[in-house]
């Protein structure tokens, strides 16, 4: 491959790597957001837990219903956290693959540069000697 083609491929791979890294950051942010939501729901469920203070029966029923809904929300949040973590893991793998592709192209470019230098050295070695007649300064 010629150097221009390798440089174009490298440019594309670098852009792809940037896009994949951005996707990974978004996936990690979403996973963190879902984890924070799950923690907040757990805090709310603990705050509404029954206490030793005697309250009216109506408020106990309302608290129980609210607690039940919070537990349902907690289960749903747990599922969203697992899904978000799976997406983040997948995005991290895609980032590693993109980085690997970019590194491979960089190695090909380095190899092409080294081969070009070797070709130039061999061309100089195989070139006929150029003898210049040098005179003493007049």
Protein backbone atom coordinates (compact mmCIF):
# COMPACT_ATOMS: atom_id res chain seq x y z
CA UNK A 1 0.00 0.00 0.00
CA UNK A 2 1.18 3.45 -0.68
CA UNK A 3 1.61 6.02 2.05
CA UNK A 4 -1.30 8.26 0.99
CA UNK A 5 -3.74 5.37 1.13
CA UNK A 6 -2.47 4.36 4.57
CA UNK A 7 -2.79 7.94 5.81
CA UNK A 8 -6.40 8.12 4.57
CA UNK A 9 -7.19 4.83 6.30
CA UNK A 10 -5.49 6.11 9.46
CA UNK A 11 -7.57 9.28 9.36
CA UNK A 12 -10.78 7.25 9.04
CA UNK A 13 -9.75 4.90 11.86
CA UNK A 14 -8.92 7.88 14.07
CA UNK A 15 -12.35 9.38 13.43
CA UNK A 16 -13.99 6.02 14.14
CA UNK A 17 -12.02 5.74 17.37
CA UNK A 18 -13.22 9.19 18.44
CA UNK A 19 -16.84 8.26 17.74
CA UNK A 20 -16.54 4.97 19.60
CA UNK A 21 -14.90 6.67 22.57
CA UNK A 22 -17.74 9.21 22.68
CA UNK A 23 -20.26 6.37 22.63
CA UNK A 24 -18.39 4.68 25.47
CA UNK A 25 -18.49 7.88 27.52
CA UNK A 26 -22.25 8.19 26.92
CA UNK A 27 -22.76 4.55 27.93
CA UNK A 28 -20.73 5.01 31.10
CA UNK A 29 -22.65 8.18 31.95
CA UNK A 30 -25.93 6.37 31.48
CA UNK A 31 -24.78 3.48 33.67
CA UNK A 32 -23.71 5.93 36.37
CA UNK A 33 -27.00 7.81 36.11
CA UNK A 34 -28.99 4.59 36.43
CA UNK A 35 -26.90 3.57 39.45
CA UNK A 36 -27.56 6.92 41.10
CA UNK A 37 -31.29 6.54 40.40
CA UNK A 38 -31.25 3.06 41.93
CA UNK A 39 -29.49 4.42 45.03
CA UNK A 40 -32.03 7.25 45.33
CA UNK A 41 -34.94 4.81 45.10
CA UNK A 42 -33.32 2.68 47.82
CA UNK A 43 -32.99 5.77 50.02
CA UNK A 44 -36.64 6.62 49.51
CA UNK A 45 -37.70 3.06 50.31
CA UNK A 46 -35.67 3.13 53.52
CA UNK A 47 -37.10 6.51 54.47
CA UNK A 48 -40.68 5.27 54.17
CA UNK A 49 -40.02 2.09 56.16
CA UNK A 50 -42.34 1.53 59.14
CA UNK A 51 -41.23 3.18 62.34
CA UNK A 52 -42.03 2.60 66.00
CA UNK A 53 -43.93 5.86 66.24
CA UNK A 54 -47.65 5.13 66.25
CA UNK A 55 -49.43 6.64 63.29
CA UNK A 56 -52.91 6.46 61.93
CA UNK A 57 -53.97 3.40 59.96
CA UNK A 58 -54.63 5.40 56.82
CA UNK A 59 -51.07 6.70 56.66
CA UNK A 60 -49.72 3.17 57.19
CA UNK A 61 -51.73 1.94 54.20
CA UNK A 62 -50.51 4.83 52.09
CA UNK A 63 -46.92 4.23 53.21
CA UNK A 64 -47.22 0.51 52.42
CA UNK A 65 -48.57 1.26 48.96
CA UNK A 66 -45.83 3.84 48.35
CA UNK A 67 -43.20 1.39 49.62
CA UNK A 68 -44.55 -1.30 47.28
CA UNK A 69 -44.34 1.06 44.31
CA UNK A 70 -40.81 2.03 45.34
CA UNK A 71 -39.80 -1.64 45.41
CA UNK A 72 -41.26 -2.11 41.93
CA UNK A 73 -39.32 0.93 40.77
CA UNK A 74 -36.18 -0.46 42.43
CA UNK A 75 -36.56 -3.74 40.53
CA UNK A 76 -37.03 -1.85 37.26
CA UNK A 77 -34.03 0.35 38.07
CA UNK A 78 -31.92 -2.73 38.76
CA UNK A 79 -32.80 -4.05 35.31
CA UNK A 80 -31.93 -0.71 33.73
CA UNK A 81 -28.60 -0.67 35.59
CA UNK A 82 -27.74 -4.17 34.33
CA UNK A 83 -28.69 -3.17 30.77
CA UNK A 84 -26.69 0.06 30.97
CA UNK A 85 -23.66 -1.78 32.33
CA UNK A 86 -23.92 -4.33 29.51
CA UNK A 87 -24.03 -1.50 26.96
CA UNK A 88 -21.03 0.15 28.66
CA UNK A 89 -19.10 -3.14 28.56
CA UNK A 90 -19.93 -3.58 24.89
CA UNK A 91 -18.89 0.02 24.16
CA UNK A 92 -15.58 -0.54 25.96
CA UNK A 93 -14.93 -3.61 23.81
CA UNK A 94 -15.73 -1.62 20.65
CA UNK A 95 -13.29 1.07 21.82
CA UNK A 96 -10.56 -1.54 22.31
CA UNK A 97 -11.24 -2.91 18.82
CA UNK A 98 -11.11 0.57 17.27
CA UNK A 99 -7.87 1.35 19.09
CA UNK A 100 -6.42 -1.96 17.91
CA UNK A 101 -7.39 -1.13 14.31
CA UNK A 102 -5.84 2.33 14.57
CA UNK A 103 -2.65 0.89 16.06
CA UNK A 104 -2.42 -1.64 13.26
CA UNK A 105 -2.62 1.12 10.66
CA UNK A 106 0.01 3.13 12.54
CA UNK A 107 2.30 0.10 12.48
CA UNK A 108 1.72 -0.31 8.75
CA UNK A 109 2.62 3.35 8.22
CA UNK A 110 5.79 2.93 10.30
CA UNK A 111 6.69 -0.20 8.36
CA UNK A 112 6.11 1.59 5.04
CA UNK A 113 8.33 4.45 6.20
CA UNK A 114 11.07 2.03 7.23
CA UNK A 115 10.84 0.20 3.91
CA UNK A 116 11.08 3.51 2.04
CA UNK A 117 14.23 4.41 3.97
CA UNK A 118 15.73 0.99 3.23
CA UNK A 119 14.89 1.40 -0.47
CA UNK A 120 16.60 4.79 -0.52
CA UNK A 121 19.69 3.40 1.22
CA UNK A 122 19.89 0.52 -1.28
CA UNK A 123 19.43 2.92 -4.17
CA UNK A 124 22.33 5.00 -2.88
CA UNK A 125 24.47 1.88 -2.41
CA UNK A 126 23.70 0.67 -5.94
CA UNK A 127 24.15 4.05 -7.58
CA UNK A 128 27.28 4.51 -9.61
CA UNK A 129 29.90 6.54 -7.85
CA UNK A 130 29.84 10.12 -8.80
CA UNK A 131 33.33 11.46 -8.85
CA UNK A 132 33.82 15.11 -8.88
CA UNK A 133 37.16 16.43 -9.73
CA UNK A 134 38.11 18.82 -7.06
CA UNK A 135 40.74 21.39 -7.64
CA UNK A 136 42.67 23.24 -5.09
CA UNK A 137 41.43 26.75 -4.52
CA UNK A 138 42.87 29.02 -7.09
